[in-house]
Amino acid sequence: MLQGVKIEKKELEDVLERERSQLDEEDIMDAEDGIARQDKIWTYVMEVAGVLMRTSGAIAEPKIRSLLLPLYAESFQNFEKSSEDQLLNSLCFMCDVLEFGSDDLFNFLAPQAQTQIFRALQGGEVSANMA
C-alpha cells in the first residue's frame, strides 16, 4: 500500500514541479491537496504500526520489520529530499519500534537510529559527540 502511495505522491510532485507555470491556481491547489492526502496516509500507517507494536509486538514485528521499516528508513537515507512530514513520521515510527519492539529489533536499530534521530532533530547535521 505505501509503495503505491509513495509512487502517486512522487508523480504528483513531479507534475506540479514540471507544469506549475502552466497550471491555474485551482489545479495547483488540487495537486497540493493530493500530496497532503498522501502524507496523511503515511501518518495513519505510522500510527497504526505504533499501536500494533504496543499491543501485539511479537506478532506484528516481522511484518513491520520487513515491510514498513525500509520505507520509513528511506526518509532518513534521503534526508535532504525528504519533507518535514516524512521525517517526522519516520522519527515517530522509529521511536515506536525502538520503544515497543523486541530486544533483538532494538539492538539491530539503535546504533543507526540514534545518529539518524539526532540528524533529523538538528536539521541534517550531527556533531561528533552525538554520533
Protein backbone atom coordinates (compact mmCIF):
# COMPACT_ATOMS: atom_id res chain seq x y z
CA MET A 1 0.00 0.00 0.00
CA LEU A 2 2.66 2.53 0.99
CA GLN A 3 4.70 1.78 -2.14
CA GLY A 4 1.70 2.86 -4.23
CA VAL A 5 1.18 5.95 -2.10
CA LYS A 6 4.87 6.80 -2.46
CA ILE A 7 4.69 6.46 -6.25
CA GLU A 8 1.50 8.52 -6.51
CA LYS A 9 2.94 11.28 -4.34
CA LYS A 10 6.14 11.38 -6.41
CA GLU A 11 4.09 11.61 -9.61
CA LEU A 12 2.03 14.49 -8.21
CA GLU A 13 5.16 16.31 -7.06
CA ASP A 14 6.81 15.80 -10.46
CA VAL A 15 3.76 17.09 -12.35
CA LEU A 16 3.48 20.08 -10.04
CA GLU A 17 7.16 20.93 -10.41
CA ARG A 18 7.25 20.38 -14.17
CA GLU A 19 3.98 22.07 -15.07
CA ARG A 20 3.44 24.65 -12.32
CA SER A 21 3.79 27.58 -14.72
CA GLN A 22 1.10 26.10 -16.99
CA LEU A 23 -1.39 25.25 -14.23
CA ASP A 24 -4.04 27.59 -12.91
CA GLU A 25 -4.43 28.25 -9.20
CA GLU A 26 -7.19 25.64 -8.79
CA ASP A 27 -5.08 22.90 -10.43
CA ILE A 28 -2.12 23.79 -8.23
CA MET A 29 -4.31 23.63 -5.12
CA ASP A 30 -5.72 20.25 -6.24
CA ALA A 31 -2.21 18.85 -6.72
CA GLU A 32 -1.07 20.19 -3.36
CA ASP A 33 -4.17 18.69 -1.71
CA GLY A 34 -3.35 15.35 -3.34
CA ILE A 35 0.18 15.49 -1.95
CA ALA A 36 -1.19 16.35 1.50
CA ARG A 37 -3.55 13.33 1.31
CA GLN A 38 -0.59 11.08 0.54
CA ASP A 39 1.27 12.45 3.59
CA LYS A 40 -1.78 11.74 5.77
CA ILE A 41 -1.77 8.10 4.67
CA TRP A 42 1.87 7.78 5.78
CA THR A 43 0.90 9.32 9.12
CA TYR A 44 -2.04 6.96 9.61
CA VAL A 45 0.04 3.89 8.75
CA MET A 46 2.75 5.06 11.17
CA GLU A 47 0.14 5.45 13.92
CA VAL A 48 -1.39 2.03 13.23
CA ALA A 49 2.08 0.43 13.23
CA GLY A 50 2.79 2.03 16.60
CA VAL A 51 -0.44 0.63 18.05
CA LEU A 52 0.38 -2.80 16.63
CA MET A 53 3.84 -2.69 18.18
CA ARG A 54 2.33 -1.76 21.56
CA THR A 55 -0.49 -4.28 21.54
CA SER A 56 0.91 -7.27 19.65
CA GLY A 57 4.57 -6.62 19.03
CA ALA A 58 5.70 -10.23 18.72
CA ILE A 59 3.01 -10.98 16.14
CA ALA A 60 3.28 -7.72 14.19
CA GLU A 61 7.04 -7.21 14.39
CA PRO A 62 8.14 -9.47 11.48
CA LYS A 63 5.81 -7.69 9.04
CA ILE A 64 6.62 -4.25 10.37
CA ARG A 65 10.33 -5.04 10.17
CA SER A 66 10.18 -6.37 6.62
CA LEU A 67 7.52 -4.13 5.06
CA LEU A 68 7.42 -0.80 6.88
CA LEU A 69 10.87 -0.32 8.36
CA PRO A 70 12.60 0.02 4.96
CA LEU A 71 10.01 2.53 3.75
CA TYR A 72 10.24 4.76 6.81
CA ALA A 73 14.03 4.43 6.96
CA GLU A 74 14.20 5.77 3.42
CA SER A 75 13.31 9.26 4.67
CA PHE A 76 16.50 9.25 6.71
CA GLN A 77 18.55 7.86 3.84
CA ASN A 78 17.28 10.60 1.53
CA PHE A 79 17.30 13.23 4.25
CA GLU A 80 17.82 16.25 2.01
CA LYS A 81 14.95 15.24 -0.29
CA SER A 82 12.51 14.31 2.50
CA SER A 83 9.79 16.67 3.63
CA GLU A 84 9.34 17.64 7.25
CA ASP A 85 6.22 15.43 7.37
CA GLN A 86 8.18 12.45 6.07
CA LEU A 87 10.96 12.98 8.59
CA LEU A 88 8.53 13.46 11.47
CA ASN A 89 6.62 10.30 10.52
CA SER A 90 9.88 8.39 10.31
CA LEU A 91 11.03 9.73 13.68
CA CYS A 92 7.76 8.71 15.33
CA PHE A 93 7.83 5.32 13.63
CA MET A 94 11.42 4.65 14.76
CA CYS A 95 10.61 5.74 18.31
CA ASP A 96 7.64 3.34 18.45
CA VAL A 97 9.71 0.50 17.03
CA LEU A 98 12.54 1.14 19.48
CA GLU A 99 10.19 1.53 22.44
CA PHE A 100 7.77 -1.33 21.78
CA GLY A 101 9.74 -3.75 19.60
CA SER A 102 11.73 -6.75 20.78
CA ASP A 103 15.21 -6.51 22.27
CA ASP A 104 16.55 -8.03 19.05
CA LEU A 105 14.95 -5.30 16.95
CA PHE A 106 16.14 -2.64 19.38
CA ASN A 107 19.73 -3.92 19.20
CA PHE A 108 19.52 -4.02 15.40
CA LEU A 109 18.18 -0.47 15.06
CA ALA A 110 19.56 1.52 17.99
CA PRO A 111 23.05 2.28 16.65
CA GLN A 112 21.71 3.52 13.30
CA ALA A 113 18.61 5.15 14.72
CA GLN A 114 20.49 7.26 17.24
CA THR A 115 22.51 9.01 14.56
CA GLN A 116 19.52 9.49 12.27
CA ILE A 117 17.25 10.77 15.02
CA PHE A 118 19.79 13.36 16.13
CA ARG A 119 20.39 14.29 12.49
CA ALA A 120 16.70 14.90 11.90
CA LEU A 121 16.27 16.86 15.11
CA GLN A 122 19.24 19.07 14.25
CA GLY A 123 18.18 19.70 10.68
CA GLY A 124 20.70 17.49 8.94
CA GLU A 125 23.93 17.76 10.88
CA VAL A 126 25.17 15.52 13.67
CA SER A 127 28.05 16.60 15.83
CA ALA A 128 30.82 14.11 16.54
CA ASN A 129 29.86 13.73 20.19
CA MET A 130 26.28 12.74 19.28
CA ALA A 131 27.01 10.18 16.60
